[in-house]
């Protein structure tokens, strides 16, 4: 879900780079998470203590994500109204039968 959040925070010109940076930091988290778990386990803490430590870190991430302000972009909004077009008439008038 973080990719969608990042994509909505940046204008179109910068969106690809922003999502790539988010993916890069996500990879760092994917590597450092098990490493941190291994260090805590090697320190002799119980498994439930590790769970509480990692849950606390996840809650910090949730809080930081919720603190990101909403994006108010006006560069992607076009002021040109789009008018509906008339339906294209088919070759046969309504009610006639083809023999």
N, C-alpha and C. Protein backbone atom coordinates (compact mmCIF):
# COMPACT_ATOMS: atom_id res chain seq x y z
N UNK A 1 0.80 -1.18 0.00
CA UNK A 1 0.00 0.00 0.00
C UNK A 1 0.85 1.26 0.00
N UNK A 2 2.09 1.13 0.42
CA UNK A 2 2.95 2.31 0.48
C UNK A 2 3.26 2.83 -0.93
N UNK A 3 3.27 1.94 -1.92
CA UNK A 3 3.54 2.39 -3.28
C UNK A 3 2.40 3.29 -3.78
N UNK A 4 1.18 2.95 -3.46
CA UNK A 4 0.04 3.78 -3.83
C UNK A 4 0.09 5.13 -3.12
N UNK A 5 0.47 5.13 -1.85
CA UNK A 5 0.60 6.38 -1.11
C UNK A 5 1.66 7.28 -1.72
N UNK A 6 2.81 6.69 -2.03
CA UNK A 6 3.90 7.47 -2.63
C UNK A 6 3.50 7.98 -4.00
N UNK A 7 2.82 7.17 -4.79
CA UNK A 7 2.41 7.59 -6.13
C UNK A 7 1.43 8.76 -6.07
N UNK A 8 0.61 8.82 -5.03
CA UNK A 8 -0.34 9.93 -4.90
C UNK A 8 0.30 11.19 -4.34
N UNK A 9 1.45 11.08 -3.72
CA UNK A 9 2.09 12.24 -3.10
C UNK A 9 2.92 13.06 -4.07
N UNK A 10 3.32 12.50 -5.19
CA UNK A 10 4.24 13.18 -6.10
C UNK A 10 3.58 13.46 -7.43
N UNK A 11 3.98 14.56 -8.09
CA UNK A 11 3.43 14.86 -9.41
C UNK A 11 3.90 13.84 -10.44
N UNK A 12 3.26 13.85 -11.59
CA UNK A 12 3.50 12.84 -12.62
C UNK A 12 4.96 12.77 -13.03
N UNK A 13 5.62 13.92 -13.14
CA UNK A 13 7.01 13.94 -13.60
C UNK A 13 7.95 13.21 -12.65
N UNK A 14 7.63 13.19 -11.37
CA UNK A 14 8.53 12.61 -10.36
C UNK A 14 8.03 11.29 -9.80
N UNK A 15 6.88 10.83 -10.25
CA UNK A 15 6.24 9.67 -9.65
C UNK A 15 7.06 8.40 -9.77
N UNK A 16 7.65 8.16 -10.93
CA UNK A 16 8.44 6.93 -11.13
C UNK A 16 9.65 6.88 -10.21
N UNK A 17 10.35 7.99 -10.08
CA UNK A 17 11.52 8.03 -9.21
C UNK A 17 11.11 7.88 -7.74
N UNK A 18 9.99 8.48 -7.36
CA UNK A 18 9.55 8.38 -5.97
C UNK A 18 9.17 6.95 -5.60
N UNK A 19 8.48 6.27 -6.49
CA UNK A 19 8.10 4.88 -6.21
C UNK A 19 9.35 3.99 -6.18
N UNK A 20 10.33 4.29 -7.04
CA UNK A 20 11.58 3.52 -7.04
C UNK A 20 12.34 3.71 -5.73
N UNK A 21 12.37 4.94 -5.22
CA UNK A 21 13.02 5.18 -3.93
C UNK A 21 12.29 4.44 -2.80
N UNK A 22 10.97 4.45 -2.85
CA UNK A 22 10.19 3.73 -1.83
C UNK A 22 10.47 2.23 -1.89
N UNK A 23 10.58 1.70 -3.11
CA UNK A 23 10.89 0.28 -3.26
C UNK A 23 12.29 -0.02 -2.74
N UNK A 24 13.24 0.89 -2.97
CA UNK A 24 14.60 0.70 -2.48
C UNK A 24 14.66 0.66 -0.96
N UNK A 25 13.95 1.58 -0.32
CA UNK A 25 13.92 1.57 1.14
C UNK A 25 13.16 0.37 1.67
N UNK A 26 12.17 -0.10 0.92
CA UNK A 26 11.47 -1.32 1.30
C UNK A 26 12.40 -2.53 1.27
N UNK A 27 13.30 -2.56 0.29
CA UNK A 27 14.29 -3.65 0.23
C UNK A 27 15.24 -3.59 1.43
N UNK A 28 15.60 -2.38 1.83
CA UNK A 28 16.46 -2.25 3.02
C UNK A 28 15.73 -2.80 4.26
N UNK A 29 14.45 -2.53 4.35
CA UNK A 29 13.68 -3.06 5.46
C UNK A 29 13.55 -4.58 5.40
N UNK A 30 13.44 -5.10 4.19
CA UNK A 30 13.36 -6.55 4.03
C UNK A 30 14.65 -7.26 4.43
N UNK A 31 15.78 -6.57 4.28
CA UNK A 31 17.06 -7.15 4.68
C UNK A 31 17.32 -6.92 6.17
N UNK A 32 17.05 -5.70 6.64
CA UNK A 32 17.39 -5.38 8.02
C UNK A 32 16.42 -5.99 9.03
N UNK A 33 15.18 -6.29 8.64
CA UNK A 33 14.22 -6.89 9.57
C UNK A 33 14.67 -8.25 10.09
N UNK A 34 14.97 -9.21 9.21
CA UNK A 34 15.47 -10.50 9.71
C UNK A 34 16.82 -10.39 10.41
N UNK A 35 17.64 -9.44 9.96
CA UNK A 35 18.94 -9.23 10.62
C UNK A 35 18.73 -8.75 12.05
N UNK A 36 17.81 -7.80 12.23
CA UNK A 36 17.50 -7.31 13.57
C UNK A 36 16.91 -8.42 14.43
N UNK A 37 16.02 -9.23 13.83
CA UNK A 37 15.46 -10.37 14.57
C UNK A 37 16.54 -11.36 14.99
N UNK A 38 17.51 -11.60 14.12
CA UNK A 38 18.62 -12.49 14.48
C UNK A 38 19.47 -11.94 15.60
N UNK A 39 19.74 -10.64 15.57
CA UNK A 39 20.52 -10.01 16.65
C UNK A 39 19.79 -10.08 17.99
N UNK A 40 18.49 -9.83 17.96
CA UNK A 40 17.71 -9.88 19.20
C UNK A 40 17.62 -11.31 19.72
N UNK A 41 17.47 -12.27 18.83
CA UNK A 41 17.43 -13.67 19.23
C UNK A 41 18.78 -14.12 19.79
N UNK A 42 19.87 -13.65 19.17
CA UNK A 42 21.21 -13.99 19.65
C UNK A 42 21.51 -13.35 21.00
N UNK A 43 20.81 -12.25 21.32
CA UNK A 43 21.01 -11.59 22.61
C UNK A 43 20.37 -12.37 23.75
N UNK A 44 19.59 -13.40 23.41
CA UNK A 44 19.03 -14.26 24.45
C UNK A 44 17.63 -13.87 24.88
N UNK A 45 16.98 -12.96 24.16
CA UNK A 45 15.62 -12.59 24.52
C UNK A 45 14.65 -13.67 24.07
N UNK A 46 13.52 -13.75 24.75
CA UNK A 46 12.50 -14.74 24.40
C UNK A 46 11.80 -14.33 23.11
N UNK A 47 11.16 -15.29 22.47
CA UNK A 47 10.50 -15.03 21.20
C UNK A 47 9.36 -14.02 21.37
N UNK A 48 8.63 -14.08 22.49
CA UNK A 48 7.55 -13.11 22.68
C UNK A 48 8.10 -11.69 22.84
N UNK A 49 9.28 -11.54 23.40
CA UNK A 49 9.90 -10.21 23.50
C UNK A 49 10.26 -9.68 22.12
N UNK A 50 10.75 -10.55 21.26
CA UNK A 50 11.08 -10.16 19.89
C UNK A 50 9.80 -9.71 19.17
N UNK A 51 8.71 -10.43 19.39
CA UNK A 51 7.44 -10.07 18.78
C UNK A 51 7.02 -8.66 19.21
N UNK A 52 7.15 -8.36 20.49
CA UNK A 52 6.74 -7.04 20.98
C UNK A 52 7.66 -5.93 20.44
N UNK A 53 8.94 -6.21 20.31
CA UNK A 53 9.87 -5.21 19.76
C UNK A 53 9.52 -4.92 18.30
N UNK A 54 9.31 -5.97 17.52
CA UNK A 54 9.00 -5.77 16.10
C UNK A 54 7.60 -5.17 15.91
N UNK A 55 6.67 -5.49 16.80
CA UNK A 55 5.34 -4.86 16.75
C UNK A 55 5.45 -3.37 17.04
N UNK A 56 6.28 -3.00 18.00
CA UNK A 56 6.51 -1.58 18.29
C UNK A 56 7.09 -0.84 17.09
N UNK A 57 8.04 -1.47 16.41
CA UNK A 57 8.61 -0.84 15.22
C UNK A 57 7.57 -0.70 14.10
N UNK A 58 6.71 -1.70 13.96
CA UNK A 58 5.66 -1.62 12.96
C UNK A 58 4.67 -0.50 13.29
N UNK A 59 4.35 -0.32 14.56
CA UNK A 59 3.45 0.76 14.96
C UNK A 59 4.07 2.13 14.71
N UNK A 60 5.38 2.25 14.92
CA UNK A 60 6.07 3.50 14.60
C UNK A 60 5.93 3.78 13.10
N UNK A 61 6.08 2.75 12.27
CA UNK A 61 5.91 2.92 10.84
C UNK A 61 4.50 3.35 10.46
N UNK A 62 3.50 2.78 11.11
CA UNK A 62 2.12 3.15 10.84
C UNK A 62 1.87 4.61 11.23
N UNK A 63 2.36 5.00 12.39
CA UNK A 63 2.17 6.38 12.85
C UNK A 63 2.85 7.36 11.91
N UNK A 64 4.07 7.04 11.49
CA UNK A 64 4.77 7.93 10.56
C UNK A 64 4.06 8.02 9.21
N UNK A 65 3.48 6.91 8.75
CA UNK A 65 2.74 6.93 7.50
C UNK A 65 1.48 7.78 7.63
N UNK A 66 0.80 7.70 8.77
CA UNK A 66 -0.40 8.49 8.97
C UNK A 66 -0.11 9.98 9.11
N UNK A 67 1.10 10.33 9.49
CA UNK A 67 1.47 11.74 9.64
C UNK A 67 1.82 12.41 8.31
N UNK A 68 1.91 11.65 7.23
CA UNK A 68 2.22 12.23 5.92
C UNK A 68 1.01 13.05 5.48
N UNK A 69 1.21 14.32 5.13
CA UNK A 69 0.06 15.14 4.73
C UNK A 69 -0.50 14.69 3.39
N UNK A 70 -1.77 14.97 3.19
CA UNK A 70 -2.42 14.63 1.90
C UNK A 70 -1.87 15.53 0.82
N UNK A 71 -1.73 14.98 -0.36
CA UNK A 71 -1.24 15.75 -1.50
C UNK A 71 -2.40 16.52 -2.12
N UNK A 72 -2.17 17.79 -2.38
CA UNK A 72 -3.15 18.63 -3.07
C UNK A 72 -2.51 19.09 -4.36
N UNK A 73 -2.63 18.25 -5.38
CA UNK A 73 -2.00 18.57 -6.66
C UNK A 73 -3.01 19.19 -7.60
N UNK A 74 -2.58 20.21 -8.25
CA UNK A 74 -3.43 20.83 -9.26
C UNK A 74 -2.82 20.67 -10.65
N UNK A 75 -1.61 20.11 -10.73
CA UNK A 75 -0.96 20.00 -12.04
C UNK A 75 -1.55 18.87 -12.89
N UNK A 76 -2.19 17.89 -12.27
CA UNK A 76 -2.76 16.78 -13.03
C UNK A 76 -4.24 17.01 -13.39
N UNK A 77 -4.82 18.09 -12.87
CA UNK A 77 -6.23 18.36 -13.13
C UNK A 77 -6.32 19.28 -14.35
N UNK A 78 -7.08 18.87 -15.32
CA UNK A 78 -7.24 19.65 -16.54
C UNK A 78 -8.53 20.46 -16.45
N UNK A 79 -8.47 21.72 -16.85
CA UNK A 79 -9.64 22.57 -16.77
C UNK A 79 -10.49 22.50 -18.03
N UNK A 80 -10.08 21.76 -19.04
CA UNK A 80 -10.85 21.66 -20.27
C UNK A 80 -11.99 20.67 -20.08
N UNK A 81 -13.23 21.13 -20.24
CA UNK A 81 -14.34 20.19 -20.07
C UNK A 81 -14.42 19.23 -21.25
N UNK A 82 -14.82 18.04 -20.97
CA UNK A 82 -14.98 17.02 -22.01
C UNK A 82 -16.47 16.85 -22.25
N UNK A 83 -16.89 17.12 -23.49
CA UNK A 83 -18.30 17.03 -23.83
C UNK A 83 -18.60 15.66 -24.42
N UNK A 84 -19.74 15.09 -24.08
CA UNK A 84 -20.09 13.78 -24.66
C UNK A 84 -20.37 13.92 -26.15
N UNK A 85 -20.06 12.91 -26.89
CA UNK A 85 -20.32 12.91 -28.33
C UNK A 85 -21.62 12.20 -28.61
N UNK A 86 -22.22 12.53 -29.75
CA UNK A 86 -23.47 11.89 -30.14
C UNK A 86 -23.17 10.46 -30.57
N UNK A 87 -24.09 9.54 -30.33
CA UNK A 87 -23.86 8.15 -30.74
C UNK A 87 -23.77 8.05 -32.26
N UNK A 88 -22.92 7.19 -32.72
CA UNK A 88 -22.73 6.99 -34.15
C UNK A 88 -23.88 6.15 -34.67
N UNK A 89 -24.52 6.62 -35.73
CA UNK A 89 -25.68 5.91 -36.30
C UNK A 89 -25.18 4.70 -37.08
N UNK A 90 -25.89 3.61 -36.94
CA UNK A 90 -25.52 2.42 -37.71
C UNK A 90 -26.10 2.56 -39.11
N UNK A 91 -25.72 1.67 -39.99
CA UNK A 91 -26.14 1.75 -41.38
C UNK A 91 -27.62 1.44 -41.61
N UNK A 92 -28.27 0.78 -40.65
CA UNK A 92 -29.67 0.40 -40.81
C UNK A 92 -30.55 1.23 -39.88
N UNK A 93 -31.62 1.79 -40.39
CA UNK A 93 -32.52 2.53 -39.52
C UNK A 93 -33.24 1.59 -38.57
N UNK A 94 -33.61 2.13 -37.44
CA UNK A 94 -34.30 1.31 -36.44
C UNK A 94 -35.65 0.85 -36.97
N UNK A 95 -36.04 -0.35 -36.74
CA UNK A 95 -37.33 -0.87 -37.15
C UNK A 95 -37.32 -1.51 -38.53
N UNK A 96 -36.28 -1.35 -39.30
CA UNK A 96 -36.25 -1.97 -40.64
C UNK A 96 -35.61 -3.34 -40.53
N UNK A 97 -35.97 -4.19 -41.41
CA UNK A 97 -35.38 -5.54 -41.42
C UNK A 97 -34.55 -5.70 -42.67
N UNK A 98 -33.52 -6.47 -42.54
CA UNK A 98 -32.62 -6.73 -43.67
C UNK A 98 -33.03 -8.06 -44.28
N UNK A 99 -33.22 -8.08 -45.63
CA UNK A 99 -33.61 -9.32 -46.30
C UNK A 99 -32.49 -9.90 -47.06
